[in-house]
Protein backbone atom coordinates (compact mmCIF):
# COMPACT_ATOMS: atom_id res chain seq x y z
CA MET A 1 27.06 -23.89 4.40
CA ALA A 2 24.42 -21.21 5.10
CA ASN A 3 21.58 -20.48 2.70
CA GLU A 4 20.33 -17.10 1.89
CA ILE A 5 16.82 -16.23 2.44
CA THR A 6 16.14 -13.25 0.03
CA LEU A 7 13.44 -10.78 -0.58
CA PRO A 8 11.17 -12.28 -3.35
CA LYS A 9 9.50 -10.17 -6.17
CA LEU A 10 5.85 -11.04 -4.69
CA SER A 11 4.02 -8.77 -7.33
CA ASP A 12 4.68 -7.30 -10.97
CA THR A 13 5.37 -4.07 -9.54
CA MET A 14 7.05 -4.75 -6.46
CA GLU A 15 10.54 -3.07 -5.87
CA GLU A 16 11.11 -3.14 -2.29
CA GLY A 17 9.58 -4.31 1.06
CA LYS A 18 9.44 -3.45 4.71
CA VAL A 19 9.80 -6.31 7.30
CA LEU A 20 7.02 -6.07 9.78
CA ARG A 21 7.51 -9.16 11.72
CA TRP A 22 9.88 -11.92 12.02
CA ILE A 23 7.89 -15.02 13.06
CA LYS A 24 11.14 -17.12 13.50
CA GLN A 25 14.05 -15.97 15.62
CA VAL A 26 17.62 -16.74 15.42
CA GLY A 27 18.55 -20.22 16.67
CA ASP A 28 14.64 -21.53 15.89
CA ARG A 29 14.49 -24.63 13.57
CA VAL A 30 12.69 -23.92 10.23
CA ALA A 31 11.01 -26.44 7.88
CA ALA A 32 10.66 -25.89 4.10
CA GLY A 33 8.03 -23.62 3.27
CA GLU A 34 7.17 -22.65 6.71
CA VAL A 35 6.36 -18.96 7.17
CA ILE A 36 9.26 -17.14 8.79
CA ALA A 37 8.29 -13.31 8.41
CA GLU A 38 5.82 -10.92 7.11
CA VAL A 39 6.56 -8.05 4.69
CA GLU A 40 4.88 -4.94 3.63
CA THR A 41 5.05 -4.29 -0.16
CA ASP A 42 3.44 -1.76 -2.47
CA LYS A 43 0.44 -4.17 -2.87
CA ALA A 44 -0.26 -5.83 0.24
CA ASP A 45 1.43 -7.48 3.53
CA MET A 46 2.78 -10.71 2.35
CA GLU A 47 4.26 -13.77 4.05
CA ILE A 48 7.95 -14.94 3.40
CA GLU A 49 8.56 -18.67 3.28
CA ALA A 50 11.60 -20.49 4.04
CA PRO A 51 13.35 -22.09 0.73
CA GLY A 52 14.66 -25.08 2.84
CA GLU A 53 14.91 -26.47 6.16
CA GLY A 54 17.63 -25.98 8.83
CA VAL A 55 18.06 -23.26 11.60
CA LEU A 56 17.84 -19.50 11.32
CA SER A 57 21.37 -18.55 12.19
CA GLU A 58 21.32 -14.80 11.25
CA ILE A 59 18.90 -11.96 10.50
CA ARG A 60 20.14 -9.11 8.48
CA VAL A 61 16.92 -6.95 8.03
CA GLN A 62 15.48 -5.83 11.19
CA VAL A 63 11.86 -5.19 11.87
CA GLY A 64 10.90 -1.79 10.59
CA GLU A 65 13.75 -1.86 7.67
CA THR A 66 13.16 -1.65 4.14
CA ALA A 67 15.10 -3.61 1.50
CA PRO A 68 14.98 -3.93 -2.18
CA VAL A 69 13.91 -6.91 -4.12
CA GLY A 70 16.67 -9.67 -4.12
CA ALA A 71 18.09 -8.36 -0.76
CA VAL A 72 19.25 -11.04 1.86
CA LEU A 73 17.06 -11.10 4.67
CA ALA A 74 18.25 -13.62 6.80
CA LEU A 75 20.61 -16.74 6.77
CA LEU A 76 19.26 -20.54 7.23
CA SER A 77 22.07 -22.88 8.17
CA GLY A 78 22.20 -26.70 8.52
CA SER A 79 20.80 -27.97 11.65
CA GLY A 80 24.39 -29.05 13.22
CA ALA A 81 25.94 -25.58 12.33
CA ALA A 82 23.37 -23.56 13.69
CA ALA A 83 22.07 -25.35 16.48
CA ALA A 84 25.46 -24.25 18.49
CA LYS A 85 24.06 -20.61 17.98
CA ARG A 86 20.99 -21.13 19.58
CA PRO A 87 20.40 -19.00 22.60
CA PRO A 88 20.20 -20.71 25.98
CA ASP A 89 16.79 -21.48 27.26
CA PRO A 90 16.68 -20.42 31.05
CA LYS A 91 13.70 -22.84 31.58
CA ARG A 92 15.42 -25.83 30.04
CA GLU A 93 18.39 -25.01 32.30
CA THR A 94 16.42 -24.84 35.23
CA GLN A 95 14.86 -28.12 34.34
CA SER A 96 18.18 -29.64 33.72
CA ARG A 97 19.58 -28.66 37.31
CA ASP A 98 16.44 -29.90 39.10
CA ARG A 99 16.56 -33.31 37.20
CA GLN A 100 20.37 -34.03 37.99
CA GLY A 101 21.10 -37.74 38.50
CA ALA A 102 17.66 -38.84 37.06
CA VAL A 103 17.81 -42.27 35.32
CA GLY A 104 16.03 -43.36 32.29
CA PRO A 105 14.42 -41.60 29.39
CA THR A 106 13.85 -37.92 29.74
CA PRO A 107 10.11 -37.29 30.66
CA ALA A 108 7.90 -34.62 28.72
CA PRO A 109 8.47 -30.98 30.00
CA PRO A 110 6.79 -30.82 33.49
CA ASP A 111 4.36 -28.08 34.46
CA PRO A 112 5.06 -26.07 37.31
CA LYS A 113 3.31 -28.33 40.15
CA ARG A 114 5.20 -31.26 39.00
CA GLU A 115 8.43 -29.58 39.00
CA THR A 116 7.79 -28.59 42.61
CA GLN A 117 7.37 -32.27 43.42
CA SER A 118 10.51 -33.17 41.62
CA ARG A 119 12.49 -30.61 43.75
CA ASP A 120 10.88 -32.07 46.92
CA ARG A 121 11.93 -35.64 45.80
CA GLN A 122 15.62 -34.95 44.55
CA GLY A 123 17.66 -37.86 44.39
CA ALA A 124 14.81 -40.31 43.86
CA VAL A 125 15.10 -42.58 40.91
CA GLY A 126 12.26 -42.44 38.69
CA PRO A 127 8.68 -41.55 39.87
CA THR A 128 8.70 -43.99 42.92
CA PRO A 129 5.43 -43.57 44.95
CA ALA A 130 5.29 -43.48 48.68
CA PRO A 131 5.04 -47.25 50.35
CA PRO A 132 1.54 -48.09 51.11
CA ASP A 133 2.10 -48.44 54.79
CA GLN A 134 3.69 -44.99 55.07
CA PRO A 135 1.85 -41.72 55.18
CA PRO A 136 2.61 -39.67 51.91
CA GLN A 137 5.44 -37.03 52.57
CA LYS A 138 3.91 -33.75 52.80
CA PRO A 139 5.89 -30.58 51.25
CA PRO A 140 7.32 -28.02 53.36
CA ALA A 141 5.11 -25.36 54.71
CA ALA A 142 4.40 -22.57 52.15
CA PRO A 143 4.00 -18.88 53.03
CA ALA A 144 0.47 -18.10 54.17
CA ALA A 145 -0.33 -16.05 50.85
CA ALA A 146 0.45 -19.04 48.59
CA GLU A 147 -1.63 -21.94 47.93
CA PRO A 148 -0.10 -25.13 49.35
CA ALA A 149 1.36 -27.44 46.60
CA PRO A 150 -0.24 -30.93 46.23
CA THR A 151 1.28 -34.03 48.05
CA ALA A 152 2.63 -36.86 46.03
CA ASP A 153 -0.53 -38.86 46.33
CA GLU A 154 -2.65 -35.92 45.05
CA LYS A 155 -3.04 -35.70 41.36
CA PRO A 156 -4.02 -32.11 40.15
CA SER A 157 -7.48 -32.08 38.46
CA ALA A 158 -7.75 -31.08 34.86
CA ALA A 159 -9.35 -27.81 35.88
CA ALA A 160 -6.34 -27.08 38.35
CA ARG A 161 -3.67 -27.57 35.65
CA PRO A 162 -2.14 -24.42 34.32
CA ALA A 163 -3.46 -23.98 30.65
CA VAL A 164 -0.83 -23.94 28.00
CA PRO A 165 -0.94 -20.81 25.92
CA ARG A 166 -1.61 -21.16 22.20
CA PRO A 167 0.71 -18.81 20.20
CA LEU A 168 -1.42 -15.85 18.65
CA ARG A 169 -1.37 -15.76 14.82
CA ALA A 170 -2.64 -12.79 13.17
CA SER A 171 -2.34 -11.37 9.63
CA PRO A 172 -0.47 -8.00 9.67
CA LEU A 173 -3.54 -6.34 8.35
CA ALA A 174 -5.41 -7.86 11.24
CA GLN A 175 -3.11 -6.55 13.69
CA ARG A 176 -3.26 -3.12 12.29
CA LEU A 177 -7.08 -3.01 12.46
CA ALA A 178 -7.03 -4.22 15.89
CA ARG A 179 -4.64 -1.53 17.01
CA GLU A 180 -6.57 1.09 15.16
CA ARG A 181 -9.91 0.05 16.86
CA GLY A 182 -8.73 -0.95 20.06
CA VAL A 183 -9.46 -4.75 19.80
CA ASP A 184 -7.97 -7.18 21.90
CA LEU A 185 -6.92 -10.04 19.44
CA GLY A 186 -6.76 -12.43 22.40
CA GLN A 187 -10.52 -12.51 22.33
CA VAL A 188 -11.00 -12.94 18.52
CA ARG A 189 -11.49 -16.21 17.05
CA GLY A 190 -9.47 -16.74 13.77
CA THR A 191 -11.21 -18.14 10.67
CA GLY A 192 -7.91 -17.97 8.63
CA ALA A 193 -5.83 -21.10 7.83
CA GLU A 194 -5.01 -23.13 11.05
CA GLY A 195 -6.99 -20.51 13.17
CA LYS A 196 -5.07 -17.49 12.08
CA ILE A 197 -6.84 -14.20 12.69
CA VAL A 198 -7.69 -12.21 9.55
CA ALA A 199 -9.00 -8.87 8.94
CA ARG A 200 -12.61 -10.05 8.48
CA ASP A 201 -12.36 -11.59 11.85
CA VAL A 202 -11.65 -8.29 13.52
CA GLU A 203 -14.14 -6.23 11.48
CA PRO A 204 -17.19 -7.65 13.32
CA VAL A 205 -15.67 -7.25 16.73
CA PRO A 206 -17.08 -3.94 18.32
CA PRO A 207 -14.27 -1.98 19.80
CA PRO A 208 -14.24 -1.21 23.73
CA ALA A 209 -16.52 1.75 24.88
CA ALA A 210 -13.68 4.31 24.91
CA ALA A 211 -13.02 3.51 21.53
CA ALA A 212 -16.54 3.27 20.02
CA SER A 213 -16.59 6.52 18.14
CA PRO A 214 -13.68 6.57 15.28
CA ALA A 215 -11.48 9.51 15.54
CA PRO A 216 -12.38 12.32 13.23
CA ILE A 217 -10.39 13.02 10.12
CA GLU A 218 -8.30 16.22 10.89
CA ALA A 219 -7.49 18.80 8.58
CA GLY A 220 -3.75 18.96 7.71
CA ARG A 221 -1.05 16.66 5.81
CA HIS A 222 -1.46 13.12 6.01
CA GLU A 223 1.25 11.02 4.84
CA LEU A 224 0.40 8.03 2.33
CA SER A 225 0.90 4.35 3.23
CA LYS A 226 3.27 2.39 1.09
CA MET A 227 0.47 0.92 -0.85
CA ARG A 228 -0.83 4.59 -1.64
CA GLN A 229 2.35 5.87 -2.72
CA SER A 230 2.74 2.97 -5.17
CA ILE A 231 -0.76 3.37 -6.40
CA ALA A 232 -0.11 7.33 -7.09
CA ARG A 233 3.20 6.42 -8.63
CA ARG A 234 2.25 3.96 -11.16
CA MET A 235 -1.14 5.36 -12.09
CA THR A 236 0.60 8.73 -12.82
CA GLU A 237 3.20 7.00 -14.78
CA ALA A 238 0.26 4.95 -16.60
CA LYS A 239 -2.06 7.90 -17.41
CA ASN A 240 1.13 9.83 -18.67
CA GLY A 241 2.77 7.33 -20.32
CA ILE A 242 -0.04 5.28 -22.09
CA PRO A 243 -2.32 7.10 -24.72
CA HIS A 244 -5.57 5.97 -23.53
CA PHE A 245 -8.76 5.98 -25.72
CA TYR A 246 -12.18 4.57 -24.41
CA VAL A 247 -14.86 2.58 -25.99
CA THR A 248 -18.47 1.98 -24.05
CA ALA A 249 -21.23 -0.41 -24.66
CA GLU A 250 -24.62 -1.14 -23.11
CA ILE A 251 -25.43 -4.60 -22.75
CA GLU A 252 -28.73 -6.34 -21.99
CA MET A 253 -28.25 -8.76 -19.10
CA GLY A 254 -31.90 -10.25 -18.64
CA GLU A 255 -30.71 -13.65 -20.06
CA ALA A 256 -27.45 -13.46 -18.15
CA LEU A 257 -29.34 -12.97 -14.78
CA ARG A 258 -31.73 -15.87 -15.63
CA LEU A 259 -28.71 -18.12 -16.27
CA LEU A 260 -27.25 -16.89 -12.93
CA GLU A 261 -30.35 -17.66 -10.87
CA ALA A 262 -30.50 -21.27 -12.35
CA LEU A 263 -26.54 -21.63 -11.61
CA LYS A 264 -27.21 -20.50 -7.96
CA ARG A 265 -29.98 -23.13 -7.48
CA ARG A 266 -28.26 -26.03 -9.12
CA VAL A 267 -24.39 -25.35 -9.18
CA ASP A 268 -23.10 -22.74 -6.46
CA PRO A 269 -25.36 -20.32 -4.73
CA LYS A 270 -22.08 -18.06 -4.26
CA ILE A 271 -21.96 -17.20 -8.08
CA THR A 272 -22.50 -13.62 -8.82
CA VAL A 273 -22.68 -11.11 -11.74
CA SER A 274 -19.05 -10.36 -11.28
CA HIS A 275 -18.17 -14.08 -11.96
CA VAL A 276 -20.28 -14.15 -14.87
CA VAL A 277 -18.67 -11.12 -16.47
CA ALA A 278 -15.08 -12.29 -15.92
CA LYS A 279 -15.83 -15.44 -17.47
CA ALA A 280 -17.52 -13.87 -20.53
CA ALA A 281 -14.64 -11.46 -20.86
CA ALA A 282 -12.11 -14.33 -20.87
CA LEU A 283 -13.95 -16.01 -23.65
CA ALA A 284 -13.94 -12.72 -25.71
CA LEU A 285 -10.33 -12.34 -25.05
CA LEU A 286 -9.78 -15.78 -26.80
CA GLU A 287 -11.26 -14.36 -29.96
CA HIS A 288 -9.32 -11.01 -29.67
CA PRO A 289 -5.81 -11.88 -28.33
CA ARG A 290 -4.49 -8.45 -29.18
CA VAL A 291 -6.85 -7.17 -26.39
CA ASN A 292 -5.10 -9.68 -24.06
CA GLY A 293 -1.54 -8.45 -25.29
CA GLN A 294 1.27 -6.75 -23.48
CA TRP A 295 3.63 -3.77 -24.47
CA GLU A 296 7.18 -4.92 -24.37
CA ASP A 297 10.00 -2.71 -25.55
CA GLY A 298 8.31 -1.29 -28.60
CA ALA A 299 6.39 -4.61 -29.40
CA VAL A 300 3.24 -6.31 -28.55
CA ARG A 301 3.64 -9.80 -26.84
CA ILE A 302 0.63 -12.11 -27.02
CA PRO A 303 0.57 -14.30 -23.82
CA GLU A 304 -0.12 -17.96 -24.06
CA SER A 305 -3.07 -17.73 -21.50
CA VAL A 306 -5.90 -15.43 -20.25
CA ASN A 307 -4.85 -14.26 -16.78
CA ILE A 308 -7.54 -11.66 -15.46
CA GLY A 309 -6.76 -9.26 -12.78
CA LEU A 310 -9.72 -8.48 -10.41
CA ALA A 311 -9.44 -4.78 -8.92
CA VAL A 312 -10.27 -5.24 -5.11
CA ALA A 313 -10.79 -2.27 -2.76
CA VAL A 314 -8.85 -2.60 0.55
CA ASP A 315 -8.93 -0.32 3.49
CA ASP A 316 -5.89 1.68 2.38
CA GLY A 317 -5.86 1.50 -1.26
CA LEU A 318 -6.44 -1.21 -4.14
CA ILE A 319 -5.07 -4.76 -5.05
CA VAL A 320 -5.38 -6.54 -8.21
CA PRO A 321 -5.01 -10.26 -7.48
CA VAL A 322 -5.06 -12.54 -10.72
CA ILE A 323 -7.11 -15.44 -11.87
CA HIS A 324 -4.62 -17.50 -13.76
CA ARG A 325 -5.54 -19.65 -17.07
CA CYS A 326 -9.19 -18.56 -17.10
CA GLU A 327 -9.68 -20.15 -20.34
CA SER A 328 -9.39 -23.61 -18.70
CA LEU A 329 -11.72 -22.94 -15.90
CA SER A 330 -15.35 -23.54 -15.71
CA LEU A 331 -17.58 -20.88 -14.42
CA ALA A 332 -17.98 -22.58 -11.30
CA GLU A 333 -14.23 -22.92 -10.98
CA LEU A 334 -13.52 -19.45 -11.91
CA ALA A 335 -16.04 -18.09 -9.21
CA ALA A 336 -14.30 -20.12 -6.51
CA GLU A 337 -10.68 -18.98 -7.22
CA ALA A 338 -12.16 -15.41 -7.51
CA ARG A 339 -13.88 -15.66 -3.89
CA ARG A 340 -10.38 -17.31 -2.67
CA LEU A 341 -8.47 -14.21 -4.16
CA VAL A 342 -11.05 -11.48 -2.70
CA ALA A 343 -10.74 -13.27 0.87
CA ALA A 344 -6.81 -12.99 0.45
CA ALA A 345 -7.04 -9.57 -0.48
CA ARG A 346 -8.86 -8.66 2.59
CA GLY A 347 -6.47 -10.36 5.09
CA ALA A 348 -6.14 -14.12 4.69
CA GLY A 349 -3.05 -13.82 2.76
CA PHE A 350 -1.76 -14.25 -0.86
CA SER A 351 0.38 -17.17 -2.49
CA GLY A 352 3.38 -16.41 -4.26
CA ASP A 353 1.80 -16.03 -7.88
CA ASP A 354 -1.49 -14.36 -6.77
CA LEU A 355 -0.35 -10.86 -7.65
CA LYS A 356 1.65 -11.73 -10.69
CA GLY A 357 1.11 -12.55 -14.32
CA GLY A 358 -1.97 -10.55 -15.10
CA THR A 359 -2.65 -10.02 -18.90
CA PHE A 360 -6.08 -8.02 -18.77
CA SER A 361 -8.13 -6.39 -15.53
CA ILE A 362 -11.67 -5.91 -14.58
CA SER A 363 -12.81 -2.98 -12.43
CA ASN A 364 -16.16 -3.74 -11.22
CA LEU A 365 -18.30 -0.77 -9.43
CA GLY A 366 -21.68 -2.29 -10.12
CA ILE A 367 -22.32 -2.99 -6.42
CA LEU A 368 -21.98 0.81 -5.83
CA ASP A 369 -25.06 1.76 -8.03
CA VAL A 370 -22.51 3.40 -10.58
CA ASP A 371 -23.93 3.95 -14.26
CA GLU A 372 -20.43 3.92 -16.08
CA PHE A 373 -16.94 5.07 -15.39
CA SER A 374 -13.48 4.62 -17.05
CA ALA A 375 -10.49 2.81 -15.67
CA ILE A 376 -6.99 3.39 -15.76
CA ILE A 377 -4.81 0.71 -17.68
CA ASN A 378 -2.40 -1.51 -15.68
CA PRO A 379 0.77 -1.67 -17.70
CA PRO A 380 1.96 -3.42 -19.55
CA GLN A 381 -1.44 -4.55 -20.18
CA ALA A 382 -3.57 -3.42 -23.40
CA ALA A 383 -6.76 -2.89 -21.77
CA ILE A 384 -8.94 -2.78 -18.80
CA LEU A 385 -12.76 -3.28 -18.62
CA ALA A 386 -14.87 -0.88 -16.11
CA VAL A 387 -18.20 -2.45 -15.36
CA GLY A 388 -21.20 -0.38 -14.14
CA SER A 389 -24.51 -1.33 -12.37
CA ILE A 390 -27.22 -3.61 -13.95
CA LYS A 391 -30.15 -0.99 -14.02
CA GLU A 392 -33.69 -0.90 -15.53
CA ARG A 393 -33.36 1.23 -18.43
CA PRO A 394 -35.61 1.90 -21.77
CA VAL A 395 -34.66 -0.45 -24.57
CA VAL A 396 -35.86 -0.94 -28.27
CA ARG A 397 -36.81 -4.35 -29.07
CA ALA A 398 -38.43 -5.03 -32.47
CA GLY A 399 -39.23 -1.45 -33.01
CA GLN A 400 -41.32 -1.24 -29.68
CA LEU A 401 -40.16 0.64 -26.57
CA ALA A 402 -39.51 -1.61 -23.52
CA VAL A 403 -37.94 -1.79 -20.21
CA GLY A 404 -34.63 -3.82 -19.90
CA ARG A 405 -32.12 -4.75 -17.35
CA THR A 406 -28.82 -3.16 -18.98
CA MET A 407 -25.20 -3.00 -17.76
CA ARG A 408 -22.69 -0.26 -19.35
CA VAL A 409 -19.22 -1.26 -19.81
CA THR A 410 -16.30 0.79 -20.80
CA LEU A 411 -13.10 -0.74 -22.25
CA SER A 412 -9.82 1.52 -21.72
CA CYS A 413 -7.24 0.67 -24.44
CA ASP A 414 -3.52 1.64 -25.02
CA HIS A 415 -3.42 3.14 -28.37
CA ARG A 416 0.02 1.92 -29.02
CA GLN A 417 -1.31 -1.75 -29.17
CA LEU A 418 -4.84 -1.41 -30.17
CA ASN A 419 -7.17 0.94 -32.24
CA GLY A 420 -10.59 1.83 -31.93
CA VAL A 421 -12.12 -0.97 -34.26
CA GLU A 422 -10.20 -3.60 -32.33
CA GLY A 423 -11.51 -2.14 -28.94
CA ALA A 424 -15.28 -2.10 -30.40
CA ARG A 425 -15.12 -5.57 -31.84
CA TYR A 426 -13.87 -6.95 -28.59
CA LEU A 427 -17.11 -5.35 -26.81
CA GLU A 428 -19.37 -6.54 -29.59
CA THR A 429 -18.07 -10.09 -28.75
CA LEU A 430 -18.44 -9.57 -24.96
CA ARG A 431 -22.02 -8.47 -25.48
CA SER A 432 -22.82 -11.51 -27.74
CA ILE A 433 -21.71 -13.79 -24.96
CA LEU A 434 -23.55 -12.09 -22.15
CA GLU A 435 -26.72 -11.66 -24.17
CA ASN A 436 -26.46 -15.35 -25.06
CA PRO A 437 -24.95 -16.87 -21.85
CA LEU A 438 -25.23 -20.51 -22.60
CA GLU A 439 -22.22 -19.96 -24.61
CA MET A 440 -20.09 -19.83 -21.26
CA LEU A 441 -21.39 -23.45 -20.36
CA VAL A 442 -20.22 -25.30 -23.47
């Protein structure tokens, strides 16, 4: 009986997906968990995995077609039922004809030169060499333009053997970047899983001379990508449907930066301010669980864990991958998971839960020299934290004017779930943690 391969819901907001590529074709044997197709969603290009093992017996949604979540994309049959549907392989049929009458176990698939030798020796039983007292049999004369085939006693050198082509694996985003920039993916070394080419591999590759200058942006109408369309629709719904209010605080970051430098030297050189802020935000959410709440049909649901979504800018939009169970992660563990998600957002590929289950979001523009800004809430969440740059600013300490390194943050709140006091108290706790950062290490 055939198993249905359906389009899964790969993110909280996904409603449909477009098939970009079928990696497996009808008749191909598939292992459980093996990637069989790539699909474009409203968030990112995602990989579809086989739910079980068998043979791909039917494809119902072709490349370029769009299907809703839950639609049947293909059928996976048991190996016996579907093996009969496998299309004939011309190369294997040729090999079979050339080997008729052979005795013993079937040898490994031969290379072209050895096939020539096999045809020259039809009727021989096994690889019988020429007797030592007889000269080796020479092949028939080849046309002048062709290179003569080796004799039975000649072994082709390693350099002479034809290279076995390796299948080219590249993420959909990497393929799109390569097309736009005129980059030959055959010349790109992949750094993704199992050598897969991802977006970051394409970006450093200089395009050919003919495509060195990017095409100018022309005036006129430009159609939005599926991701941009989804962002436009959801942000309009969120801004129009959620009564936003905003609370801003300024936090002294001197102690947090000193701790960060120590952690870089002794724990992990890749820990950043963003990771420190995310950890502090998660600890503050434990003390203010309503800020971690979600709107649910006129009620507020308080989740069991803190799952923080990190807004990551990509070439044509925004993706918010989720760090799950932040309350149980150390700062170093949270930093490692955040780096993995950012890399996935930029082309390496997400797993099934990376874009689902967020309870709170952070949008950090500090690297772009931004004083402060406000962000739009990602429904059904109750709030989102907008983080600006750390800058030297005048501060008052013990009645004296001084220069401090401060960061401004703005909490956007859903007034149906929170009031001003609750938002302000959350920021007070966040400030206390960041200004006394050893709490994050306890």
